[in-house]
Every structure is written in C-alpha cells, then in structure tokens.
Amino acid sequence: MTGFDITGTSEPWVIFVPHGAVEIHRQLSQLESKGGRVHHFDSSDLLTEEAICRTFAEVLRFPGYFGRNWDALVDCLDDLCGEVTGGVGIAGVIHDADRLLDADDFPLFVSVLCQGADRANSAVDLDGFTLDRPAIAEHFVFEFRAFDPERIVQRVEQPDLTLTTADDFVAAALRPEVWH
C-alpha cells in the first residue's frame, strides 16, 4: 500500500517521486480510465514565477483574466473547467523536477499547488458552504531523475505544510491547523 492516491480527493496534494515510479504511472492510468486528465509539464518551463504562471495558464487553459501571480494561480487551480479535468480530476506531472529543486520560488510553488489542490479537492468553500460543483481530484507529481528524499524535505519543509516521507516518495499537504 502506498501513502497516496492521486485518483481520489484525499491528500496529499503534491507527491515527489523518482522518474519512472511504477505506482505513480499505475495511478495516472487509473485516473485517465475514470475520465480524468493527466497534464505534463517540462520543468525547464517552470523556473520563475512568471514562467510558472504562463505555462500553467497555457496547459490548463486558464481564463483570459488570470492575474498571473501566486494568488491567482491558487484561484484558477480551484476552478478548472470540465474540459481540463474531464469532470473527474487532473494530475499535473512535472518532469525532470531536479531543475527546480534549487529555484528560489520552489518552496512557495509547492505551497501554492497544495493550496489550489486543497480547495479543488473539497466540495465546500473556505467559509464551509457547499459549492455548486463536486470536489474534483487534483494532484501534482514531481518526477526526479536523482531522487533524494532528504534534500527534497530540506527544500520544501515550511510551517504551512505537512510532509510524509518514505523510501520511494515524499508527499506534501497543507497543515490543517494553519489552513483550516
């Protein structure tokens, strides 16, 4: 049994794995078989905040009014259209994530992905009111060629995140007492 399920609406929201991890690919296939969508990102397109916003807007078809900043990214991740999610959910796979590990914005980028996914995976809004849409599965996978769980934890660890580690993955979710 793994410590994550990217086909459903439970945390963790961000998973870091070695390139070619069998369990991730099995779950990606399972998500697609349910009607969900898998979107691929090249890490070389995600080295700055501007590049992240531009690339996510293109790949996930954000609306034209997208503000191209971290807060707007969270909002758009929470409100993806059915065409992007298949009405079921998405997994965003970031390939060659090794390039991002030392980027200045990397820890914030991970937190932003967790914030957007936390909201998308919920059927209630921030005030606890039922949304007019069901929760959708939304998860992000960072694939590393040189997978080093300790180094990933050192870079990602921050007060607003809860991290889970194993030999073959690191997972991140929002710390409930900070965000809920």
C-alpha atoms as a PDB file:
ATOM      1  CA  MET A   1       0.000   0.000   0.000  1.00  0.00           C
ATOM      2  CA  THR A   2       1.267   3.479  -0.863  1.00  0.00           C
ATOM      3  CA  GLY A   3       0.811   6.636   1.144  1.00  0.00           C
ATOM      4  CA  PHE A   4      -1.098   8.433  -1.600  1.00  0.00           C
ATOM      5  CA  ASP A   5      -3.958   8.069  -4.069  1.00  0.00           C
ATOM      6  CA  ILE A   6      -3.950  10.557  -6.938  1.00  0.00           C
ATOM      7  CA  THR A   7      -7.207   9.149  -8.321  1.00  0.00           C
ATOM      8  CA  GLY A   8      -9.306  10.469  -5.438  1.00  0.00           C
ATOM      9  CA  THR A   9      -9.915  13.627  -3.453  1.00  0.00           C
ATOM     10  CA  SER A  10      -7.801  12.889  -0.395  1.00  0.00           C
ATOM     11  CA  GLU A  11      -4.426  14.361   0.435  1.00  0.00           C
ATOM     12  CA  PRO A  12      -1.501  14.530  -0.115  1.00  0.00           C
ATOM     13  CA  TRP A  13      -1.731  17.083  -2.914  1.00  0.00           C
ATOM     14  CA  VAL A  14       1.878  17.087  -4.115  1.00  0.00           C
ATOM     15  CA  ILE A  15       3.971  13.934  -4.488  1.00  0.00           C
ATOM     16  CA  PHE A  16       7.704  13.781  -5.240  1.00  0.00           C
ATOM     17  CA  VAL A  17       8.885  10.520  -6.801  1.00  0.00           C
ATOM     18  CA  PRO A  18      11.789   9.039  -8.742  1.00  0.00           C
ATOM     19  CA  HIS A  19      11.467   9.109 -12.533  1.00  0.00           C
ATOM     20  CA  GLY A  20       9.579   6.043 -13.777  1.00  0.00           C
ATOM     21  CA  ALA A  21       7.955   5.197 -10.420  1.00  0.00           C
ATOM     22  CA  VAL A  22       5.634   2.301 -11.223  1.00  0.00           C
ATOM     23  CA  GLU A  23       2.942   3.175  -8.664  1.00  0.00           C
ATOM     24  CA  ILE A  24       2.558   6.738  -9.965  1.00  0.00           C
ATOM     25  CA  HIS A  25       2.176   5.524 -13.534  1.00  0.00           C
ATOM     26  CA  ARG A  26      -0.369   2.916 -12.443  1.00  0.00           C
ATOM     27  CA  GLN A  27      -2.409   5.604 -10.678  1.00  0.00           C
ATOM     28  CA  LEU A  28      -2.104   8.042 -13.611  1.00  0.00           C
ATOM     29  CA  SER A  29      -3.515   5.337 -15.894  1.00  0.00           C
ATOM     30  CA  GLN A  30      -6.295   4.639 -13.410  1.00  0.00           C
ATOM     31  CA  LEU A  31      -7.196   8.352 -13.249  1.00  0.00           C
ATOM     32  CA  GLU A  32      -7.393   8.511 -17.048  1.00  0.00           C
ATOM     33  CA  SER A  33      -9.514   5.342 -17.170  1.00  0.00           C
ATOM     34  CA  LYS A  34     -12.025   7.089 -14.872  1.00  0.00           C
ATOM     35  CA  GLY A  35     -12.187  10.024 -17.312  1.00  0.00           C
ATOM     36  CA  GLY A  36      -9.675  12.286 -15.547  1.00  0.00           C
ATOM     37  CA  ARG A  37      -6.872  14.101 -17.329  1.00  0.00           C
ATOM     38  CA  VAL A  38      -3.099  13.968 -16.966  1.00  0.00           C
ATOM     39  CA  HIS A  39      -1.242  17.148 -17.916  1.00  0.00           C
ATOM     40  CA  HIS A  40       2.520  17.158 -18.438  1.00  0.00           C
ATOM     41  CA  PHE A  41       4.920  19.990 -17.639  1.00  0.00           C
ATOM     42  CA  ASP A  42       8.596  20.328 -18.552  1.00  0.00           C
ATOM     43  CA  SER A  43      10.465  21.717 -15.558  1.00  0.00           C
ATOM     44  CA  SER A  44      12.541  23.961 -17.831  1.00  0.00           C
ATOM     45  CA  ASP A  45       9.308  25.931 -18.393  1.00  0.00           C
ATOM     46  CA  LEU A  46       8.802  26.437 -14.637  1.00  0.00           C
ATOM     47  CA  LEU A  47      11.948  28.159 -13.389  1.00  0.00           C
ATOM     48  CA  THR A  48      10.409  31.513 -12.366  1.00  0.00           C
ATOM     49  CA  GLU A  49       7.056  32.743 -11.060  1.00  0.00           C
ATOM     50  CA  GLU A  50       6.348  34.375 -14.415  1.00  0.00           C
ATOM     51  CA  ALA A  51       7.183  31.178 -16.310  1.00  0.00           C
ATOM     52  CA  ILE A  52       5.102  29.038 -13.938  1.00  0.00           C
ATOM     53  CA  CYS A  53       2.077  31.293 -14.355  1.00  0.00           C
ATOM     54  CA  ARG A  54       2.455  31.438 -18.149  1.00  0.00           C
ATOM     55  CA  THR A  55       2.918  27.670 -18.521  1.00  0.00           C
ATOM     56  CA  PHE A  56       0.093  26.694 -16.166  1.00  0.00           C
ATOM     57  CA  ALA A  57      -2.220  29.170 -17.908  1.00  0.00           C
ATOM     58  CA  GLU A  58      -1.427  27.608 -21.291  1.00  0.00           C
ATOM     59  CA  VAL A  59      -1.515  23.940 -20.285  1.00  0.00           C
ATOM     60  CA  LEU A  60      -4.570  24.174 -18.005  1.00  0.00           C
ATOM     61  CA  ARG A  61      -6.392  26.738 -20.171  1.00  0.00           C
ATOM     62  CA  PHE A  62      -6.865  29.403 -17.512  1.00  0.00           C
ATOM     63  CA  PRO A  63      -9.312  32.191 -18.375  1.00  0.00           C
ATOM     64  CA  GLY A  64      -8.018  35.362 -20.012  1.00  0.00           C
ATOM     65  CA  TYR A  65      -8.497  37.361 -16.811  1.00  0.00           C
ATOM     66  CA  PHE A  66      -5.940  35.183 -14.939  1.00  0.00           C
ATOM     67  CA  GLY A  67      -3.837  37.624 -12.880  1.00  0.00           C
ATOM     68  CA  ARG A  68      -0.512  35.795 -13.391  1.00  0.00           C
ATOM     69  CA  ASN A  69       0.522  35.756  -9.731  1.00  0.00           C
ATOM     70  CA  TRP A  70       0.564  33.173  -6.935  1.00  0.00           C
ATOM     71  CA  ASP A  71      -2.879  34.044  -5.519  1.00  0.00           C
ATOM     72  CA  ALA A  72      -4.476  33.975  -8.956  1.00  0.00           C
ATOM     73  CA  LEU A  73      -2.806  30.605  -9.613  1.00  0.00           C
ATOM     74  CA  VAL A  74      -4.440  29.184  -6.468  1.00  0.00           C
ATOM     75  CA  ASP A  75      -7.824  30.555  -7.570  1.00  0.00           C
ATOM     76  CA  CYS A  76      -7.563  29.105 -11.077  1.00  0.00           C
ATOM     77  CA  LEU A  77      -6.408  25.701  -9.804  1.00  0.00           C
ATOM     78  CA  ASP A  78      -9.550  25.655  -7.656  1.00  0.00           C
ATOM     79  CA  ASP A  79     -11.802  26.445 -10.599  1.00  0.00           C
ATOM     80  CA  LEU A  80     -10.642  24.374 -13.570  1.00  0.00           C
ATOM     81  CA  CYS A  81     -13.143  23.748 -16.359  1.00  0.00           C
ATOM     82  CA  GLY A  82     -14.564  20.310 -17.104  1.00  0.00           C
ATOM     83  CA  GLU A  83     -12.665  20.158 -20.383  1.00  0.00           C
ATOM     84  CA  VAL A  84      -9.379  20.281 -18.441  1.00  0.00           C
ATOM     85  CA  THR A  85     -10.488  17.869 -15.698  1.00  0.00           C
ATOM     86  CA  GLY A  86     -12.806  15.556 -17.611  1.00  0.00           C
ATOM     87  CA  GLY A  87     -15.259  16.375 -14.806  1.00  0.00           C
ATOM     88  CA  VAL A  88     -13.302  13.875 -12.703  1.00  0.00           C
ATOM     89  CA  GLY A  89      -9.915  15.364 -11.902  1.00  0.00           C
ATOM     90  CA  ILE A  90      -6.397  16.083 -13.001  1.00  0.00           C
ATOM     91  CA  ALA A  91      -2.857  15.147 -12.244  1.00  0.00           C
ATOM     92  CA  GLY A  92      -0.129  17.543 -13.251  1.00  0.00           C
ATOM     93  CA  VAL A  93       3.165  15.741 -13.834  1.00  0.00           C
ATOM     94  CA  ILE A  94       6.307  17.859 -13.690  1.00  0.00           C
ATOM     95  CA  HIS A  95       9.141  16.064 -15.448  1.00  0.00           C
ATOM     96  CA  ASP A  96      12.845  16.466 -14.602  1.00  0.00           C
ATOM     97  CA  ALA A  97      11.970  18.253 -11.364  1.00  0.00           C
ATOM     98  CA  ASP A  98      15.645  18.181 -10.347  1.00  0.00           C
ATOM     99  CA  ARG A  99      15.993  21.509 -12.203  1.00  0.00           C
ATOM    100  CA  LEU A 100      13.511  23.139  -9.827  1.00  0.00           C
ATOM    101  CA  LEU A 101      14.871  21.991  -6.503  1.00  0.00           C
ATOM    102  CA  ASP A 102      17.242  24.942  -6.074  1.00  0.00           C
ATOM    103  CA  ALA A 103      14.971  27.569  -7.647  1.00  0.00           C
ATOM    104  CA  ASP A 104      14.193  30.433  -5.268  1.00  0.00           C
ATOM    105  CA  ASP A 105      10.436  30.002  -5.670  1.00  0.00           C
ATOM    106  CA  PHE A 106      10.382  26.204  -5.331  1.00  0.00           C
ATOM    107  CA  PRO A 107       9.048  26.015  -1.736  1.00  0.00           C
ATOM    108  CA  LEU A 108       6.392  28.657  -2.468  1.00  0.00           C
ATOM    109  CA  PHE A 109       5.446  26.903  -5.732  1.00  0.00           C
ATOM    110  CA  VAL A 110       4.821  23.663  -3.802  1.00  0.00           C
ATOM    111  CA  SER A 111       2.729  25.505  -1.205  1.00  0.00           C
ATOM    112  CA  VAL A 112       0.672  27.198  -3.942  1.00  0.00           C
ATOM    113  CA  LEU A 113      -0.003  23.841  -5.621  1.00  0.00           C
ATOM    114  CA  CYS A 114      -1.102  22.426  -2.258  1.00  0.00           C
ATOM    115  CA  GLN A 115      -3.412  25.402  -1.670  1.00  0.00           C
ATOM    116  CA  GLY A 116      -5.072  25.108  -5.090  1.00  0.00           C
ATOM    117  CA  ALA A 117      -5.421  21.337  -4.840  1.00  0.00           C
ATOM    118  CA  ASP A 118      -6.762  21.509  -1.286  1.00  0.00           C
ATOM    119  CA  ARG A 119      -9.545  23.804  -2.467  1.00  0.00           C
ATOM    120  CA  ALA A 120     -10.298  21.822  -5.655  1.00  0.00           C
ATOM    121  CA  ASN A 121     -10.487  18.551  -3.732  1.00  0.00           C
ATOM    122  CA  SER A 122     -13.171  19.970  -1.445  1.00  0.00           C
ATOM    123  CA  ALA A 123     -16.915  20.281  -2.056  1.00  0.00           C
ATOM    124  CA  VAL A 124     -17.152  23.286   0.304  1.00  0.00           C
ATOM    125  CA  ASP A 125     -15.755  26.806   0.042  1.00  0.00           C
ATOM    126  CA  LEU A 126     -13.382  28.471   2.504  1.00  0.00           C
ATOM    127  CA  ASP A 127     -16.353  29.510   4.670  1.00  0.00           C
ATOM    128  CA  GLY A 128     -17.708  25.951   4.814  1.00  0.00           C
ATOM    129  CA  PHE A 129     -20.596  26.461   2.378  1.00  0.00           C
ATOM    130  CA  THR A 130     -21.390  23.769  -0.187  1.00  0.00           C
ATOM    131  CA  LEU A 131     -20.080  24.603  -3.650  1.00  0.00           C
ATOM    132  CA  ASP A 132     -22.153  24.320  -6.827  1.00  0.00           C
ATOM    133  CA  ARG A 133     -19.696  21.734  -8.100  1.00  0.00           C
ATOM    134  CA  PRO A 134     -18.464  18.409  -6.748  1.00  0.00           C
ATOM    135  CA  ALA A 135     -14.939  18.004  -5.433  1.00  0.00           C
ATOM    136  CA  ILE A 136     -12.506  17.002  -8.156  1.00  0.00           C
ATOM    137  CA  ALA A 137      -9.309  15.030  -7.758  1.00  0.00           C
ATOM    138  CA  GLU A 138      -6.346  17.354  -8.233  1.00  0.00           C
ATOM    139  CA  HIS A 139      -2.779  16.298  -7.529  1.00  0.00           C
ATOM    140  CA  PHE A 140       0.691  17.257  -8.703  1.00  0.00           C
ATOM    141  CA  VAL A 141       3.605  14.885  -9.207  1.00  0.00           C
ATOM    142  CA  PHE A 142       7.242  15.978  -9.360  1.00  0.00           C
ATOM    143  CA  GLU A 143       9.414  13.328 -11.047  1.00  0.00           C
ATOM    144  CA  PHE A 144      13.126  13.397 -10.193  1.00  0.00           C
ATOM    145  CA  ARG A 145      15.957  11.709 -12.065  1.00  0.00           C
ATOM    146  CA  ALA A 146      18.150  11.891  -8.942  1.00  0.00           C
ATOM    147  CA  PHE A 147      15.571  11.262  -6.219  1.00  0.00           C
ATOM    148  CA  ASP A 148      16.893  12.369  -2.810  1.00  0.00           C
ATOM    149  CA  PRO A 149      14.070  12.413  -0.221  1.00  0.00           C
ATOM    150  CA  GLU A 150      16.165  14.191   2.424  1.00  0.00           C
ATOM    151  CA  ARG A 151      17.118  17.020   0.086  1.00  0.00           C
ATOM    152  CA  ILE A 152      13.529  17.409  -1.103  1.00  0.00           C
ATOM    153  CA  VAL A 153      12.317  17.654   2.504  1.00  0.00           C
ATOM    154  CA  GLN A 154      15.008  20.242   3.303  1.00  0.00           C
ATOM    155  CA  ARG A 155      13.865  22.430   0.395  1.00  0.00           C
ATOM    156  CA  VAL A 156      10.103  22.012   0.811  1.00  0.00           C
ATOM    157  CA  GLU A 157       9.706  21.937   4.589  1.00  0.00           C
ATOM    158  CA  GLN A 158       7.822  25.004   5.820  1.00  0.00           C
ATOM    159  CA  PRO A 159       5.348  25.818   8.604  1.00  0.00           C
ATOM    160  CA  ASP A 160       2.233  25.600   6.419  1.00  0.00           C
ATOM    161  CA  LEU A 161       2.916  22.107   5.034  1.00  0.00           C
ATOM    162  CA  THR A 162       2.799  18.594   6.397  1.00  0.00           C
ATOM    163  CA  LEU A 163       5.322  16.252   4.780  1.00  0.00           C
ATOM    164  CA  THR A 164       5.242  12.480   4.632  1.00  0.00           C
ATOM    165  CA  THR A 165       8.360  10.585   3.624  1.00  0.00           C
ATOM    166  CA  ALA A 166       9.086   7.047   2.523  1.00  0.00           C
ATOM    167  CA  ASP A 167      11.917   5.404   0.610  1.00  0.00           C
ATOM    168  CA  ASP A 168      10.172   5.917  -2.719  1.00  0.00           C
ATOM    169  CA  PHE A 169       8.247   9.188  -2.293  1.00  0.00           C
ATOM    170  CA  VAL A 170       7.820  12.420  -0.387  1.00  0.00           C
ATOM    171  CA  ALA A 171       4.321  13.886  -0.128  1.00  0.00           C
ATOM    172  CA  ALA A 172       3.052  17.327   0.849  1.00  0.00           C
ATOM    173  CA  ALA A 173      -0.307  18.641   2.045  1.00  0.00           C
ATOM    174  CA  LEU A 174      -1.463  21.743   3.871  1.00  0.00           C
ATOM    175  CA  ARG A 175      -1.070  21.738   7.642  1.00  0.00           C
ATOM    176  CA  PRO A 176      -4.718  21.781   8.880  1.00  0.00           C
ATOM    177  CA  GLU A 177      -4.116  23.974  11.908  1.00  0.00           C
ATOM    178  CA  VAL A 178      -2.643  26.668   9.648  1.00  0.00           C
ATOM    179  CA  TRP A 179      -5.128  26.466   6.752  1.00  0.00           C
ATOM    180  CA  HIS A 180      -8.425  25.144   8.126  1.00  0.00           C
END
